[in-house]
């Protein structure tokens, strides 16, 4: 079992940056890929990016060129740095882990005002 807690969401203005953090705990975190999805209102969740235990990144189709994902294996955290945010980026951002099974955080709301 993996437990994930996101933080760092909030209200920002268009063009600003924001960093989301996810703290992971559990026996298999060190073997898990960690990453981020987002869910826009009325839409399905979409992958932003993920990072494997050895640092390889997996990129989704969302927000290309406007994010950086990083991982601290010593602290079991994954960061998602978002830049040049747009109002259409307003969504709930979810942290997830994958090792044989998916686990999800509770989500953090990001709202971008114009």
Protein backbone atom coordinates (compact mmCIF):
# COMPACT_ATOMS: atom_id res chain seq x y z
CA UNK A 1 0.00 0.00 0.00
CA UNK A 2 1.20 3.49 -0.87
CA UNK A 3 -0.13 6.66 0.71
CA UNK A 4 0.18 9.92 -1.21
CA UNK A 5 -0.40 13.46 0.00
CA UNK A 6 -0.31 16.41 -2.38
CA UNK A 7 0.33 20.03 -1.48
CA UNK A 8 1.05 23.30 -3.20
CA UNK A 9 -2.15 23.95 -5.10
CA UNK A 10 -3.94 27.26 -4.99
CA UNK A 11 -4.95 30.34 -6.91
CA UNK A 12 -2.47 31.96 -9.25
CA UNK A 13 -2.65 34.46 -12.09
CA UNK A 14 -2.06 33.61 -15.71
CA UNK A 15 1.62 33.49 -16.57
CA UNK A 16 2.71 32.62 -13.05
CA UNK A 17 4.43 29.48 -11.84
CA UNK A 18 3.49 26.96 -9.19
CA UNK A 19 5.16 23.95 -7.63
CA UNK A 20 3.15 20.94 -6.54
CA UNK A 21 4.60 18.49 -4.07
CA UNK A 22 3.62 14.93 -3.28
CA UNK A 23 4.82 13.04 -0.22
CA UNK A 24 4.71 9.28 -0.63
CA UNK A 25 4.87 6.62 2.05
CA UNK A 26 4.72 2.86 1.97
CA UNK A 27 6.87 -0.20 1.55
CA UNK A 28 7.10 -0.12 -2.24
CA UNK A 29 7.58 3.61 -2.84
CA UNK A 30 11.22 3.07 -3.71
CA UNK A 31 10.16 0.68 -6.49
CA UNK A 32 7.27 2.80 -7.74
CA UNK A 33 6.97 5.25 -10.54
CA UNK A 34 5.55 8.53 -9.24
CA UNK A 35 3.72 11.06 -11.33
CA UNK A 36 0.95 13.52 -11.89
CA UNK A 37 -2.39 13.54 -13.65
CA UNK A 38 -4.86 16.35 -13.83
CA UNK A 39 -8.58 16.41 -14.26
CA UNK A 40 -10.26 19.38 -15.86
CA UNK A 41 -13.93 19.98 -15.09
CA UNK A 42 -16.08 17.47 -16.94
CA UNK A 43 -13.06 15.71 -18.44
CA UNK A 44 -11.19 12.49 -17.82
CA UNK A 45 -7.89 12.48 -16.01
CA UNK A 46 -4.92 13.13 -18.26
CA UNK A 47 -1.30 12.33 -17.68
CA UNK A 48 1.12 15.19 -17.24
CA UNK A 49 4.29 13.28 -16.42
CA UNK A 50 5.79 10.52 -14.33
CA UNK A 51 9.26 9.61 -13.13
CA UNK A 52 10.65 6.17 -12.45
CA UNK A 53 12.77 5.20 -9.43
CA UNK A 54 15.95 5.62 -11.47
CA UNK A 55 14.92 9.06 -12.77
CA UNK A 56 13.62 8.30 -16.23
CA UNK A 57 10.70 10.53 -17.14
CA UNK A 58 7.49 9.68 -18.91
CA UNK A 59 5.77 12.58 -20.59
CA UNK A 60 2.08 12.89 -21.24
CA UNK A 61 0.41 15.10 -23.80
CA UNK A 62 -0.63 17.78 -21.35
CA UNK A 63 1.32 20.94 -20.63
CA UNK A 64 4.29 20.10 -22.82
CA UNK A 65 7.19 22.46 -22.28
CA UNK A 66 5.58 24.05 -19.25
CA UNK A 67 6.50 21.62 -16.48
CA UNK A 68 9.42 19.97 -14.81
CA UNK A 69 9.08 16.78 -12.81
CA UNK A 70 11.63 15.72 -10.25
CA UNK A 71 11.96 13.17 -7.53
CA UNK A 72 13.81 12.94 -4.22
CA UNK A 73 14.18 9.27 -3.37
CA UNK A 74 15.62 10.02 0.06
CA UNK A 75 12.51 11.99 1.01
CA UNK A 76 10.04 9.98 -1.07
CA UNK A 77 8.71 13.10 -2.72
CA UNK A 78 7.90 14.06 -6.27
CA UNK A 79 7.67 17.67 -7.41
CA UNK A 80 5.87 19.11 -10.37
CA UNK A 81 6.98 22.61 -11.30
CA UNK A 82 4.45 24.34 -13.51
CA UNK A 83 5.22 27.48 -15.45
CA UNK A 84 3.42 29.98 -17.65
CA UNK A 85 0.09 28.80 -16.29
CA UNK A 86 -3.07 29.50 -18.26
CA UNK A 87 -6.70 29.67 -17.16
CA UNK A 88 -7.34 26.42 -19.04
CA UNK A 89 -4.87 24.72 -16.71
CA UNK A 90 -7.36 25.11 -13.87
CA UNK A 91 -7.97 21.57 -12.66
CA UNK A 92 -7.53 19.13 -9.83
CA UNK A 93 -4.00 17.75 -9.92
CA UNK A 94 -3.48 14.22 -8.65
CA UNK A 95 -0.32 12.52 -7.59
CA UNK A 96 -0.10 8.82 -8.30
CA UNK A 97 2.22 5.90 -7.84
CA UNK A 98 2.55 2.71 -9.82
CA UNK A 99 4.17 -0.58 -8.86
CA UNK A 100 2.01 -3.55 -9.78
CA UNK A 101 -0.97 -1.35 -8.85
CA UNK A 102 -2.00 2.27 -8.96
CA UNK A 103 -2.44 4.46 -5.89
CA UNK A 104 -3.75 7.99 -5.86
CA UNK A 105 -3.58 11.06 -3.70
CA UNK A 106 -6.65 13.07 -2.80
CA UNK A 107 -5.87 15.78 -5.34
CA UNK A 108 -5.05 19.45 -5.05
CA UNK A 109 -6.94 22.23 -6.80
CA UNK A 110 -5.08 24.63 -9.06
CA UNK A 111 -7.01 27.66 -10.23
CA UNK A 112 -5.52 30.08 -12.74
CA UNK A 113 -7.18 33.46 -13.09
CA UNK A 114 -6.93 35.55 -16.24
